[in-house]
């Protein structure tokens, strides 16, 4: 049994945490069913970078070096380095 704090925080019992497979920092969803029962589910874990997917989509077709230089505030021409691999330069 858990008792809410003044901020309505509760401790999830260890047995429930183990069934849900949750760890500190995981997101948990609460939903109320038609018969007023509360369902608790662990949210699907997402990559820490998932919020950035599509962030630069409006820059599609632009030179990545120029985008990085603009983000850094450095408008100088990017430095190009040649790399010799086998029989070709890249």
C-alpha atoms as a PDB file:
ATOM      1  CA  UNK A   1       0.000   0.000   0.000  1.00  0.00           C
ATOM      2  CA  UNK A   2       1.252   3.502  -0.833  1.00  0.00           C
ATOM      3  CA  UNK A   3       0.220   6.797   0.676  1.00  0.00           C
ATOM      4  CA  UNK A   4       0.426  10.019  -1.401  1.00  0.00           C
ATOM      5  CA  UNK A   5       2.690  12.806  -0.161  1.00  0.00           C
ATOM      6  CA  UNK A   6       1.564  16.447  -0.085  1.00  0.00           C
ATOM      7  CA  UNK A   7       2.642  16.677  -3.735  1.00  0.00           C
ATOM      8  CA  UNK A   8       0.656  13.484  -4.525  1.00  0.00           C
ATOM      9  CA  UNK A   9       3.797  11.478  -5.148  1.00  0.00           C
ATOM     10  CA  UNK A  10       3.668   7.775  -4.348  1.00  0.00           C
ATOM     11  CA  UNK A  11       6.180   4.974  -4.025  1.00  0.00           C
ATOM     12  CA  UNK A  12       5.555   2.133  -6.430  1.00  0.00           C
ATOM     13  CA  UNK A  13       5.929  -1.137  -4.544  1.00  0.00           C
ATOM     14  CA  UNK A  14       8.916  -3.268  -5.535  1.00  0.00           C
ATOM     15  CA  UNK A  15       6.702  -6.141  -6.716  1.00  0.00           C
ATOM     16  CA  UNK A  16       4.874  -3.777  -9.126  1.00  0.00           C
ATOM     17  CA  UNK A  17       8.151  -2.206 -10.338  1.00  0.00           C
ATOM     18  CA  UNK A  18       9.496  -5.681 -11.097  1.00  0.00           C
ATOM     19  CA  UNK A  19       6.366  -6.702 -13.031  1.00  0.00           C
ATOM     20  CA  UNK A  20       6.437  -3.478 -15.047  1.00  0.00           C
ATOM     21  CA  UNK A  21      10.207  -3.633 -15.487  1.00  0.00           C
ATOM     22  CA  UNK A  22      10.640   0.030 -14.597  1.00  0.00           C
ATOM     23  CA  UNK A  23      13.819   1.760 -13.506  1.00  0.00           C
ATOM     24  CA  UNK A  24      14.458   5.257 -12.179  1.00  0.00           C
ATOM     25  CA  UNK A  25      13.790   7.784 -14.948  1.00  0.00           C
ATOM     26  CA  UNK A  26      11.407   5.544 -16.918  1.00  0.00           C
ATOM     27  CA  UNK A  27       8.036   6.985 -17.857  1.00  0.00           C
ATOM     28  CA  UNK A  28       4.871   5.398 -16.511  1.00  0.00           C
ATOM     29  CA  UNK A  29       1.378   5.964 -17.886  1.00  0.00           C
ATOM     30  CA  UNK A  30      -1.777   5.946 -15.788  1.00  0.00           C
ATOM     31  CA  UNK A  31      -5.209   5.454 -17.349  1.00  0.00           C
ATOM     32  CA  UNK A  32      -8.676   5.051 -15.860  1.00  0.00           C
ATOM     33  CA  UNK A  33     -10.913   2.314 -17.260  1.00  0.00           C
ATOM     34  CA  UNK A  34     -14.697   2.539 -17.718  1.00  0.00           C
ATOM     35  CA  UNK A  35     -15.227   0.806 -14.370  1.00  0.00           C
ATOM     36  CA  UNK A  36     -12.940   3.347 -12.578  1.00  0.00           C
ATOM     37  CA  UNK A  37      -9.932   1.060 -12.248  1.00  0.00           C
ATOM     38  CA  UNK A  38      -6.491   2.537 -12.746  1.00  0.00           C
ATOM     39  CA  UNK A  39      -4.150   0.833 -15.184  1.00  0.00           C
ATOM     40  CA  UNK A  40      -0.422   1.431 -14.908  1.00  0.00           C
ATOM     41  CA  UNK A  41       1.833   0.739 -17.888  1.00  0.00           C
ATOM     42  CA  UNK A  42       5.436   1.481 -18.625  1.00  0.00           C
ATOM     43  CA  UNK A  43       5.831   3.765 -21.622  1.00  0.00           C
ATOM     44  CA  UNK A  44       7.807   2.410 -24.530  1.00  0.00           C
ATOM     45  CA  UNK A  45      11.361   3.523 -24.014  1.00  0.00           C
ATOM     46  CA  UNK A  46      12.558   6.004 -26.552  1.00  0.00           C
ATOM     47  CA  UNK A  47      16.035   7.073 -27.455  1.00  0.00           C
ATOM     48  CA  UNK A  48      17.310  10.180 -25.756  1.00  0.00           C
ATOM     49  CA  UNK A  49      17.733  11.589 -29.259  1.00  0.00           C
ATOM     50  CA  UNK A  50      14.222  10.783 -30.512  1.00  0.00           C
ATOM     51  CA  UNK A  51      13.024  14.306 -29.711  1.00  0.00           C
ATOM     52  CA  UNK A  52      15.527  15.639 -32.268  1.00  0.00           C
ATOM     53  CA  UNK A  53      14.335  13.498 -35.193  1.00  0.00           C
ATOM     54  CA  UNK A  54      13.291  15.864 -37.946  1.00  0.00           C
ATOM     55  CA  UNK A  55      14.711  18.896 -36.106  1.00  0.00           C
ATOM     56  CA  UNK A  56      16.675  20.013 -39.159  1.00  0.00           C
ATOM     57  CA  UNK A  57      14.326  18.693 -41.837  1.00  0.00           C
ATOM     58  CA  UNK A  58      13.848  22.225 -43.170  1.00  0.00           C
ATOM     59  CA  UNK A  59      17.588  22.158 -44.003  1.00  0.00           C
ATOM     60  CA  UNK A  60      17.245  19.161 -46.315  1.00  0.00           C
ATOM     61  CA  UNK A  61      19.508  19.497 -49.349  1.00  0.00           C
ATOM     62  CA  UNK A  62      21.888  21.954 -47.656  1.00  0.00           C
ATOM     63  CA  UNK A  63      25.576  21.242 -47.082  1.00  0.00           C
ATOM     64  CA  UNK A  64      25.977  19.682 -43.585  1.00  0.00           C
ATOM     65  CA  UNK A  65      29.238  21.578 -42.996  1.00  0.00           C
ATOM     66  CA  UNK A  66      27.522  24.896 -43.672  1.00  0.00           C
ATOM     67  CA  UNK A  67      24.650  23.955 -41.333  1.00  0.00           C
ATOM     68  CA  UNK A  68      27.089  23.124 -38.520  1.00  0.00           C
ATOM     69  CA  UNK A  69      29.070  26.292 -39.085  1.00  0.00           C
ATOM     70  CA  UNK A  70      25.882  28.367 -38.968  1.00  0.00           C
ATOM     71  CA  UNK A  71      24.763  26.634 -35.748  1.00  0.00           C
ATOM     72  CA  UNK A  72      28.158  27.307 -34.203  1.00  0.00           C
ATOM     73  CA  UNK A  73      28.116  30.902 -35.376  1.00  0.00           C
ATOM     74  CA  UNK A  74      31.158  30.316 -37.549  1.00  0.00           C
ATOM     75  CA  UNK A  75      30.447  31.397 -41.103  1.00  0.00           C
ATOM     76  CA  UNK A  76      33.966  30.624 -42.378  1.00  0.00           C
ATOM     77  CA  UNK A  77      34.479  28.058 -45.100  1.00  0.00           C
ATOM     78  CA  UNK A  78      34.795  24.530 -43.637  1.00  0.00           C
ATOM     79  CA  UNK A  79      38.207  22.878 -43.590  1.00  0.00           C
ATOM     80  CA  UNK A  80      38.409  19.971 -46.031  1.00  0.00           C
ATOM     81  CA  UNK A  81      40.758  17.117 -45.207  1.00  0.00           C
ATOM     82  CA  UNK A  82      41.781  14.447 -47.680  1.00  0.00           C
ATOM     83  CA  UNK A  83      42.013  10.866 -46.506  1.00  0.00           C
ATOM     84  CA  UNK A  84      43.898   8.246 -48.511  1.00  0.00           C
ATOM     85  CA  UNK A  85      42.332   4.788 -48.331  1.00  0.00           C
ATOM     86  CA  UNK A  86      43.876   2.090 -50.501  1.00  0.00           C
ATOM     87  CA  UNK A  87      44.199   3.704 -53.902  1.00  0.00           C
ATOM     88  CA  UNK A  88      41.827   6.654 -53.616  1.00  0.00           C
ATOM     89  CA  UNK A  89      41.515   9.937 -51.791  1.00  0.00           C
ATOM     90  CA  UNK A  90      38.301  10.790 -49.968  1.00  0.00           C
END
